Amino acid sequence: MIIEYIDISSLPFLNTDLEVDGTYPREVEAFRDKIRQADGILFASPEYNYSVSGPLKNAIDWGSRPPNVWADKAAALVSAAGGSGGNRQQYHIRQIGIFLDLHFINKPEFFLRRPLAPPQKCDRDGNLIDEEIREKLKEVLLSLYAFTLRLQGKSK
């Protein structure tokens, strides 16, 4: 499995006035190409105000412009937030995914709750150091991998 991080920070705010003769701004075209080429999608995001973060929703919306590059992709969700671990935003993304024709794995679910006290889950550089959490994340990735192959009609 190869996982590629796709940086969405350079995407302009969705504005259909930026669409010219069926083309999109360079950054948007590059983003859409990455999604189009991906076999599966792992959404990893914090929760903001009980919902999807603005930058992620913007990226999702750019990908949905015709032709929808999300369609028929396998997907999984991981999130982080205070007490909820981001479960509300995950359910909102699942709702959005219905329109996008995304196919989400159902289990395992992954919600990283911010600890109120040590031990910390990550080191100072942001690397995940908690072995239990690493194993849970691995289970999500293996489930996404198997589901992706199943949707493609392939075996492991």
N, C-alpha and C. Protein backbone atom coordinates (compact mmCIF):
# COMPACT_ATOMS: atom_id res chain seq x y z
N MET A 1 0.84 -1.17 0.00
CA MET A 1 0.00 0.00 0.00
C MET A 1 0.89 1.23 0.00
N ILE A 2 0.57 2.16 -0.85
CA ILE A 2 1.28 3.44 -0.90
C ILE A 2 0.29 4.52 -0.48
N ILE A 3 0.68 5.30 0.50
CA ILE A 3 -0.17 6.39 0.97
C ILE A 3 0.50 7.70 0.59
N GLU A 4 -0.23 8.53 -0.10
CA GLU A 4 0.29 9.84 -0.50
C GLU A 4 -0.53 10.92 0.19
N TYR A 5 0.17 11.80 0.88
CA TYR A 5 -0.47 12.95 1.50
C TYR A 5 -0.78 13.97 0.42
N ILE A 6 -2.01 14.43 0.37
CA ILE A 6 -2.38 15.46 -0.60
C ILE A 6 -2.64 16.75 0.15
N ASP A 7 -1.80 17.73 -0.10
CA ASP A 7 -1.89 19.03 0.56
C ASP A 7 -3.01 19.84 -0.09
N ILE A 8 -3.98 20.26 0.71
CA ILE A 8 -5.10 21.03 0.17
C ILE A 8 -4.99 22.52 0.50
N SER A 9 -3.89 22.92 1.11
CA SER A 9 -3.77 24.31 1.57
C SER A 9 -3.70 25.33 0.43
N SER A 10 -3.30 24.90 -0.76
CA SER A 10 -3.18 25.87 -1.86
C SER A 10 -4.46 25.99 -2.69
N LEU A 11 -5.49 25.23 -2.36
CA LEU A 11 -6.73 25.31 -3.13
C LEU A 11 -7.43 26.65 -2.86
N PRO A 12 -7.86 27.32 -3.91
CA PRO A 12 -8.63 28.55 -3.69
C PRO A 12 -10.02 28.19 -3.16
N PHE A 13 -10.68 29.16 -2.56
CA PHE A 13 -12.06 28.92 -2.15
C PHE A 13 -12.88 28.57 -3.38
N LEU A 14 -13.80 27.62 -3.22
CA LEU A 14 -14.64 27.23 -4.34
C LEU A 14 -15.34 28.45 -4.91
N ASN A 15 -15.20 28.63 -6.20
CA ASN A 15 -15.82 29.76 -6.89
C ASN A 15 -15.99 29.31 -8.33
N THR A 16 -17.22 29.07 -8.73
CA THR A 16 -17.45 28.56 -10.09
C THR A 16 -17.08 29.58 -11.17
N ASP A 17 -16.87 30.83 -10.78
CA ASP A 17 -16.38 31.82 -11.76
C ASP A 17 -14.95 31.51 -12.19
N LEU A 18 -14.23 30.67 -11.39
CA LEU A 18 -12.87 30.30 -11.74
C LEU A 18 -12.83 29.17 -12.77
N GLU A 19 -13.97 28.57 -13.06
CA GLU A 19 -14.07 27.52 -14.07
C GLU A 19 -14.19 28.19 -15.43
N VAL A 20 -13.24 27.87 -16.31
CA VAL A 20 -13.24 28.49 -17.63
C VAL A 20 -13.18 27.39 -18.69
N ASP A 21 -14.20 27.35 -19.53
CA ASP A 21 -14.26 26.36 -20.61
C ASP A 21 -14.00 24.94 -20.12
N GLY A 22 -14.61 24.58 -18.99
CA GLY A 22 -14.48 23.23 -18.45
C GLY A 22 -13.17 22.93 -17.76
N THR A 23 -12.37 23.96 -17.52
CA THR A 23 -11.10 23.77 -16.82
C THR A 23 -11.14 24.51 -15.49
N TYR A 24 -10.22 24.15 -14.64
CA TYR A 24 -10.15 24.71 -13.29
C TYR A 24 -8.77 25.34 -13.09
N PRO A 25 -8.62 26.15 -12.03
CA PRO A 25 -7.29 26.70 -11.73
C PRO A 25 -6.26 25.57 -11.60
N ARG A 26 -5.02 25.89 -11.89
CA ARG A 26 -3.93 24.90 -11.90
C ARG A 26 -3.89 24.05 -10.63
N GLU A 27 -4.00 24.69 -9.45
CA GLU A 27 -3.95 23.95 -8.18
C GLU A 27 -5.11 22.97 -8.06
N VAL A 28 -6.27 23.39 -8.54
CA VAL A 28 -7.45 22.54 -8.48
C VAL A 28 -7.31 21.36 -9.43
N GLU A 29 -6.82 21.62 -10.64
CA GLU A 29 -6.60 20.53 -11.61
C GLU A 29 -5.62 19.51 -11.06
N ALA A 30 -4.55 19.97 -10.42
CA ALA A 30 -3.56 19.05 -9.84
C ALA A 30 -4.19 18.22 -8.73
N PHE A 31 -4.98 18.85 -7.88
CA PHE A 31 -5.67 18.13 -6.81
C PHE A 31 -6.63 17.10 -7.38
N ARG A 32 -7.43 17.50 -8.35
CA ARG A 32 -8.41 16.59 -8.96
C ARG A 32 -7.71 15.41 -9.63
N ASP A 33 -6.56 15.64 -10.25
CA ASP A 33 -5.80 14.55 -10.87
C ASP A 33 -5.34 13.54 -9.83
N LYS A 34 -4.89 14.03 -8.67
CA LYS A 34 -4.45 13.12 -7.60
C LYS A 34 -5.60 12.24 -7.12
N ILE A 35 -6.77 12.84 -6.94
CA ILE A 35 -7.93 12.07 -6.49
C ILE A 35 -8.34 11.08 -7.58
N ARG A 36 -8.37 11.53 -8.81
CA ARG A 36 -8.75 10.66 -9.93
C ARG A 36 -7.85 9.43 -10.01
N GLN A 37 -6.56 9.60 -9.76
CA GLN A 37 -5.59 8.51 -9.87
C GLN A 37 -5.60 7.57 -8.65
N ALA A 38 -6.15 8.02 -7.54
CA ALA A 38 -6.14 7.22 -6.31
C ALA A 38 -7.12 6.06 -6.40
N ASP A 39 -6.71 4.92 -5.86
CA ASP A 39 -7.62 3.78 -5.77
C ASP A 39 -8.58 3.93 -4.61
N GLY A 40 -8.13 4.54 -3.53
CA GLY A 40 -8.94 4.74 -2.34
C GLY A 40 -8.56 6.04 -1.67
N ILE A 41 -9.41 6.50 -0.79
CA ILE A 41 -9.21 7.78 -0.13
C ILE A 41 -9.27 7.59 1.39
N LEU A 42 -8.28 8.12 2.10
CA LEU A 42 -8.31 8.17 3.55
C LEU A 42 -8.48 9.63 3.95
N PHE A 43 -9.62 9.96 4.50
CA PHE A 43 -9.86 11.31 5.01
C PHE A 43 -9.37 11.35 6.45
N ALA A 44 -8.44 12.26 6.73
CA ALA A 44 -7.91 12.44 8.07
C ALA A 44 -8.06 13.92 8.42
N SER A 45 -8.88 14.20 9.43
CA SER A 45 -9.18 15.59 9.69
C SER A 45 -9.62 15.79 11.14
N PRO A 46 -9.35 16.97 11.67
CA PRO A 46 -9.93 17.31 12.96
C PRO A 46 -11.40 17.70 12.77
N GLU A 47 -12.10 17.81 13.88
CA GLU A 47 -13.49 18.26 13.85
C GLU A 47 -13.52 19.72 14.27
N TYR A 48 -14.30 20.53 13.55
CA TYR A 48 -14.48 21.93 13.91
C TYR A 48 -15.96 22.21 14.10
N ASN A 49 -16.32 22.73 15.26
CA ASN A 49 -17.70 23.11 15.53
C ASN A 49 -18.69 21.99 15.22
N TYR A 50 -18.32 20.78 15.62
CA TYR A 50 -19.17 19.58 15.43
C TYR A 50 -19.29 19.18 13.96
N SER A 51 -18.41 19.63 13.09
CA SER A 51 -18.57 19.33 11.67
C SER A 51 -17.23 19.26 10.95
N VAL A 52 -17.32 19.24 9.63
CA VAL A 52 -16.18 19.15 8.73
C VAL A 52 -15.43 20.48 8.74
N SER A 53 -14.11 20.42 8.71
CA SER A 53 -13.33 21.65 8.66
C SER A 53 -13.57 22.36 7.31
N GLY A 54 -13.44 23.67 7.32
CA GLY A 54 -13.63 24.46 6.10
C GLY A 54 -12.72 24.03 4.97
N PRO A 55 -11.41 23.88 5.22
CA PRO A 55 -10.52 23.47 4.13
C PRO A 55 -10.87 22.11 3.53
N LEU A 56 -11.27 21.15 4.37
CA LEU A 56 -11.63 19.84 3.83
C LEU A 56 -12.92 19.94 3.02
N LYS A 57 -13.90 20.65 3.51
CA LYS A 57 -15.16 20.80 2.74
C LYS A 57 -14.88 21.47 1.41
N ASN A 58 -14.00 22.45 1.38
CA ASN A 58 -13.63 23.13 0.15
C ASN A 58 -13.01 22.14 -0.85
N ALA A 59 -12.10 21.30 -0.37
CA ALA A 59 -11.46 20.30 -1.23
C ALA A 59 -12.49 19.30 -1.76
N ILE A 60 -13.37 18.86 -0.87
CA ILE A 60 -14.42 17.93 -1.29
C ILE A 60 -15.27 18.56 -2.40
N ASP A 61 -15.63 19.82 -2.22
CA ASP A 61 -16.46 20.50 -3.21
C ASP A 61 -15.75 20.67 -4.54
N TRP A 62 -14.46 21.01 -4.53
CA TRP A 62 -13.72 21.12 -5.79
C TRP A 62 -13.69 19.77 -6.51
N GLY A 63 -13.51 18.70 -5.76
CA GLY A 63 -13.48 17.38 -6.39
C GLY A 63 -14.82 16.95 -6.94
N SER A 64 -15.90 17.51 -6.43
CA SER A 64 -17.24 17.13 -6.88
C SER A 64 -17.67 17.84 -8.16
N ARG A 65 -16.94 18.88 -8.55
CA ARG A 65 -17.32 19.60 -9.77
C ARG A 65 -17.19 18.65 -10.96
N PRO A 66 -18.02 18.84 -11.98
CA PRO A 66 -18.03 17.89 -13.11
C PRO A 66 -16.69 17.78 -13.83
N PRO A 67 -16.28 16.57 -14.14
CA PRO A 67 -16.83 15.31 -13.66
C PRO A 67 -16.35 15.02 -12.24
N ASN A 68 -17.23 14.48 -11.42
CA ASN A 68 -16.98 14.17 -10.02
C ASN A 68 -15.85 13.14 -9.90
N VAL A 69 -14.70 13.54 -9.34
CA VAL A 69 -13.55 12.63 -9.24
C VAL A 69 -13.63 11.69 -8.04
N TRP A 70 -14.59 11.90 -7.15
CA TRP A 70 -14.76 11.05 -5.98
C TRP A 70 -15.54 9.77 -6.29
N ALA A 71 -16.32 9.77 -7.35
CA ALA A 71 -17.27 8.69 -7.63
C ALA A 71 -16.61 7.32 -7.68
N ASP A 72 -17.26 6.37 -7.03
CA ASP A 72 -16.87 4.96 -7.00
C ASP A 72 -15.53 4.69 -6.31
N LYS A 73 -15.07 5.59 -5.48
CA LYS A 73 -13.83 5.38 -4.72
C LYS A 73 -14.16 4.76 -3.37
N ALA A 74 -13.31 3.87 -2.92
CA ALA A 74 -13.38 3.37 -1.55
C ALA A 74 -12.81 4.46 -0.65
N ALA A 75 -13.34 4.57 0.56
CA ALA A 75 -12.87 5.62 1.45
C ALA A 75 -12.95 5.15 2.91
N ALA A 76 -12.12 5.79 3.73
CA ALA A 76 -12.13 5.57 5.17
C ALA A 76 -11.92 6.92 5.85
N LEU A 77 -12.27 6.97 7.11
CA LEU A 77 -12.20 8.21 7.87
C LEU A 77 -11.43 7.99 9.16
N VAL A 78 -10.57 8.94 9.48
CA VAL A 78 -9.94 9.01 10.79
C VAL A 78 -10.02 10.47 11.22
N SER A 79 -10.18 10.67 12.51
CA SER A 79 -10.34 12.04 12.98
C SER A 79 -9.78 12.19 14.39
N ALA A 80 -9.62 13.46 14.75
CA ALA A 80 -9.13 13.79 16.08
C ALA A 80 -9.90 15.01 16.57
N ALA A 81 -10.26 14.97 17.84
CA ALA A 81 -10.94 16.11 18.47
C ALA A 81 -10.95 15.87 19.97
N GLY A 82 -11.45 16.84 20.70
CA GLY A 82 -11.50 16.73 22.15
C GLY A 82 -12.17 15.46 22.63
N GLY A 83 -13.28 15.57 23.31
CA GLY A 83 -13.96 14.42 23.88
C GLY A 83 -14.59 13.48 22.88
N SER A 84 -15.01 13.99 21.75
CA SER A 84 -15.73 13.15 20.77
C SER A 84 -14.79 12.38 19.86
N GLY A 85 -13.58 12.84 19.71
CA GLY A 85 -12.66 12.20 18.78
C GLY A 85 -12.97 12.53 17.33
N GLY A 86 -13.94 13.39 17.11
CA GLY A 86 -14.28 13.78 15.74
C GLY A 86 -15.40 12.98 15.12
N ASN A 87 -16.18 12.28 15.94
CA ASN A 87 -17.22 11.44 15.37
C ASN A 87 -18.29 12.22 14.62
N ARG A 88 -18.60 13.43 15.04
CA ARG A 88 -19.63 14.21 14.35
C ARG A 88 -19.20 14.59 12.94
N GLN A 89 -17.95 15.00 12.79
CA GLN A 89 -17.50 15.39 11.45
C GLN A 89 -17.43 14.18 10.54
N GLN A 90 -17.08 13.01 11.10
CA GLN A 90 -17.05 11.81 10.27
C GLN A 90 -18.44 11.49 9.73
N TYR A 91 -19.46 11.64 10.55
CA TYR A 91 -20.81 11.35 10.09
C TYR A 91 -21.27 12.37 9.06
N HIS A 92 -20.81 13.60 9.18
CA HIS A 92 -21.14 14.60 8.16
C HIS A 92 -20.46 14.26 6.83
N ILE A 93 -19.21 13.81 6.89
CA ILE A 93 -18.53 13.43 5.65
C ILE A 93 -19.23 12.24 5.02
N ARG A 94 -19.68 11.31 5.82
CA ARG A 94 -20.42 10.17 5.27
C ARG A 94 -21.69 10.64 4.55
N GLN A 95 -22.38 11.63 5.13
CA GLN A 95 -23.57 12.17 4.47
C GLN A 95 -23.21 12.82 3.14
N ILE A 96 -22.15 13.60 3.13
CA ILE A 96 -21.68 14.23 1.89
C ILE A 96 -21.30 13.15 0.88
N GLY A 97 -20.67 12.09 1.38
CA GLY A 97 -20.23 11.00 0.51
C GLY A 97 -21.34 10.32 -0.24
N ILE A 98 -22.56 10.35 0.28
CA ILE A 98 -23.69 9.76 -0.44
C ILE A 98 -23.86 10.47 -1.77
N PHE A 99 -23.87 11.79 -1.76
CA PHE A 99 -24.01 12.54 -3.00
C PHE A 99 -22.81 12.31 -3.93
N LEU A 100 -21.63 12.19 -3.35
CA LEU A 100 -20.40 12.04 -4.14
C LEU A 100 -20.21 10.64 -4.69
N ASP A 101 -21.02 9.68 -4.25
CA ASP A 101 -20.91 8.28 -4.63
C ASP A 101 -19.61 7.66 -4.12
N LEU A 102 -19.19 8.10 -2.93
CA LEU A 102 -18.06 7.49 -2.22
C LEU A 102 -18.56 6.27 -1.46
N HIS A 103 -17.70 5.28 -1.30
CA HIS A 103 -18.08 4.06 -0.59
C HIS A 103 -17.16 3.90 0.62
N PHE A 104 -17.70 4.15 1.80
CA PHE A 104 -16.91 4.13 3.03
C PHE A 104 -16.90 2.75 3.67
N ILE A 105 -15.74 2.39 4.25
CA ILE A 105 -15.71 1.21 5.09
C ILE A 105 -16.56 1.54 6.32
N ASN A 106 -17.18 0.54 6.90
CA ASN A 106 -17.99 0.77 8.10
C ASN A 106 -17.21 0.53 9.38
N LYS A 107 -16.31 -0.44 9.33
CA LYS A 107 -15.53 -0.79 10.51
C LYS A 107 -14.12 -1.15 10.10
N PRO A 108 -13.16 -0.89 10.92
CA PRO A 108 -13.29 -0.26 12.23
C PRO A 108 -13.42 1.24 12.11
N GLU A 109 -14.00 1.84 13.12
CA GLU A 109 -14.06 3.30 13.19
C GLU A 109 -12.83 3.77 13.97
N PHE A 110 -12.40 5.00 13.69
CA PHE A 110 -11.20 5.53 14.34
C PHE A 110 -11.47 6.97 14.77
N PHE A 111 -11.51 7.18 16.08
CA PHE A 111 -11.70 8.51 16.65
C PHE A 111 -10.60 8.73 17.68
N LEU A 112 -9.71 9.66 17.43
CA LEU A 112 -8.62 9.94 18.37
C LEU A 112 -9.05 11.08 19.29
N ARG A 113 -9.26 10.73 20.54
CA ARG A 113 -9.65 11.72 21.54
C ARG A 113 -8.41 12.35 22.15
N ARG A 114 -8.44 13.65 22.29
CA ARG A 114 -7.30 14.34 22.89
C ARG A 114 -7.21 13.98 24.36
N PRO A 115 -6.06 13.50 24.78
CA PRO A 115 -5.93 13.14 26.20
C PRO A 115 -5.93 14.38 27.08
N LEU A 116 -6.54 14.25 28.25
CA LEU A 116 -6.58 15.36 29.20
C LEU A 116 -5.28 15.47 29.99
N ALA A 117 -4.54 14.37 30.03
CA ALA A 117 -3.28 14.36 30.77
C ALA A 117 -2.32 13.39 30.07
N PRO A 118 -1.03 13.50 30.39
CA PRO A 118 -0.09 12.55 29.79
C PRO A 118 -0.53 11.13 30.09
N PRO A 119 -0.19 10.14 29.33
CA PRO A 119 0.81 10.22 28.26
C PRO A 119 0.24 10.79 26.96
N GLN A 120 1.09 11.46 26.25
CA GLN A 120 0.72 12.04 24.97
C GLN A 120 0.71 10.96 23.90
N LYS A 121 -0.09 11.17 22.87
CA LYS A 121 -0.20 10.21 21.76
C LYS A 121 0.86 10.48 20.69
N CYS A 122 1.36 11.71 20.63
CA CYS A 122 2.34 12.09 19.60
C CYS A 122 3.55 12.74 20.25
N ASP A 123 4.68 12.68 19.55
CA ASP A 123 5.87 13.37 20.04
C ASP A 123 5.84 14.84 19.61
N ARG A 124 6.88 15.57 19.91
CA ARG A 124 6.93 17.01 19.60
C ARG A 124 6.90 17.30 18.10
N ASP A 125 7.31 16.32 17.28
CA ASP A 125 7.31 16.50 15.83
C ASP A 125 6.01 16.04 15.18
N GLY A 126 5.04 15.62 16.00
CA GLY A 126 3.75 15.20 15.46
C GLY A 126 3.70 13.73 15.07
N ASN A 127 4.75 12.97 15.38
CA ASN A 127 4.76 11.54 15.05
C ASN A 127 3.95 10.76 16.08
N LEU A 128 3.11 9.88 15.59
CA LEU A 128 2.30 9.05 16.46
C LEU A 128 3.19 8.04 17.19
N ILE A 129 3.16 8.08 18.52
CA ILE A 129 4.04 7.20 19.30
C ILE A 129 3.27 6.19 20.14
N ASP A 130 1.97 6.32 20.24
CA ASP A 130 1.16 5.41 21.03
C ASP A 130 0.92 4.13 20.23
N GLU A 131 1.44 3.01 20.73
CA GLU A 131 1.37 1.74 19.99
C GLU A 131 -0.06 1.24 19.81
N GLU A 132 -0.90 1.42 20.80
CA GLU A 132 -2.29 0.98 20.69
C GLU A 132 -3.00 1.75 19.57
N ILE A 133 -2.80 3.05 19.53
CA ILE A 133 -3.41 3.88 18.49
C ILE A 133 -2.83 3.51 17.12
N ARG A 134 -1.53 3.27 17.06
CA ARG A 134 -0.89 2.87 15.79
C ARG A 134 -1.53 1.58 15.26
N GLU A 135 -1.81 0.64 16.15
CA GLU A 135 -2.42 -0.63 15.74
C GLU A 135 -3.84 -0.41 15.23
N LYS A 136 -4.59 0.45 15.89
CA LYS A 136 -5.96 0.76 15.44
C LYS A 136 -5.94 1.43 14.07
N LEU A 137 -5.00 2.34 13.87
CA LEU A 137 -4.87 2.99 12.57
C LEU A 137 -4.51 1.98 11.49
N LYS A 138 -3.63 1.05 11.82
CA LYS A 138 -3.25 -0.01 10.88
C LYS A 138 -4.47 -0.83 10.49
N GLU A 139 -5.34 -1.14 11.43
CA GLU A 139 -6.56 -1.90 11.14
C GLU A 139 -7.46 -1.14 10.16
N VAL A 140 -7.57 0.17 10.32
CA VAL A 140 -8.37 0.98 9.39
C VAL A 140 -7.76 0.90 7.99
N LEU A 141 -6.46 1.05 7.92
CA LEU A 141 -5.79 1.03 6.61
C LEU A 141 -5.92 -0.33 5.92
N LEU A 142 -5.79 -1.40 6.67
CA LEU A 142 -5.94 -2.73 6.09
C LEU A 142 -7.37 -2.98 5.63
N SER A 143 -8.33 -2.47 6.38
CA SER A 143 -9.73 -2.60 5.98
C SER A 143 -9.99 -1.80 4.70
N LEU A 144 -9.45 -0.59 4.62
CA LEU A 144 -9.60 0.21 3.41
C LEU A 144 -8.97 -0.48 2.21
N TYR A 145 -7.80 -1.05 2.42
CA TYR A 145 -7.10 -1.76 1.34
C TYR A 145 -7.95 -2.93 0.83
N ALA A 146 -8.46 -3.75 1.74
CA ALA A 146 -9.26 -4.91 1.35
C ALA A 146 -10.55 -4.47 0.65
N PHE A 147 -11.18 -3.42 1.16
CA PHE A 147 -12.42 -2.93 0.56
C PHE A 147 -12.17 -2.36 -0.83
N THR A 148 -11.06 -1.65 -0.99
CA THR A 148 -10.69 -1.10 -2.29
C THR A 148 -10.54 -2.22 -3.32
N LEU A 149 -9.83 -3.27 -2.94
CA LEU A 149 -9.65 -4.40 -3.85
C LEU A 149 -10.99 -5.05 -4.18
N ARG A 150 -11.84 -5.18 -3.17
CA ARG A 150 -13.16 -5.79 -3.40
C ARG A 150 -13.99 -4.97 -4.39
N LEU A 151 -13.98 -3.65 -4.24
CA LEU A 151 -14.72 -2.79 -5.17
C LEU A 151 -14.17 -2.89 -6.59
N GLN A 152 -12.88 -3.13 -6.69
CA GLN A 152 -12.23 -3.24 -8.01
C GLN A 152 -12.36 -4.65 -8.59
N GLY A 153 -12.96 -5.58 -7.82
CA GLY A 153 -13.10 -6.95 -8.29
C GLY A 153 -11.81 -7.74 -8.25
N LYS A 154 -10.90 -7.31 -7.37
CA LYS A 154 -9.60 -7.99 -7.22
C LYS A 154 -9.55 -8.70 -5.87
N SER A 155 -8.59 -9.61 -5.73
CA SER A 155 -8.40 -10.27 -4.45
C SER A 155 -7.12 -9.76 -3.81
N LYS A 156 -6.95 -10.06 -2.51
CA LYS A 156 -5.77 -9.59 -1.78
C LYS A 156 -4.50 -10.20 -2.33
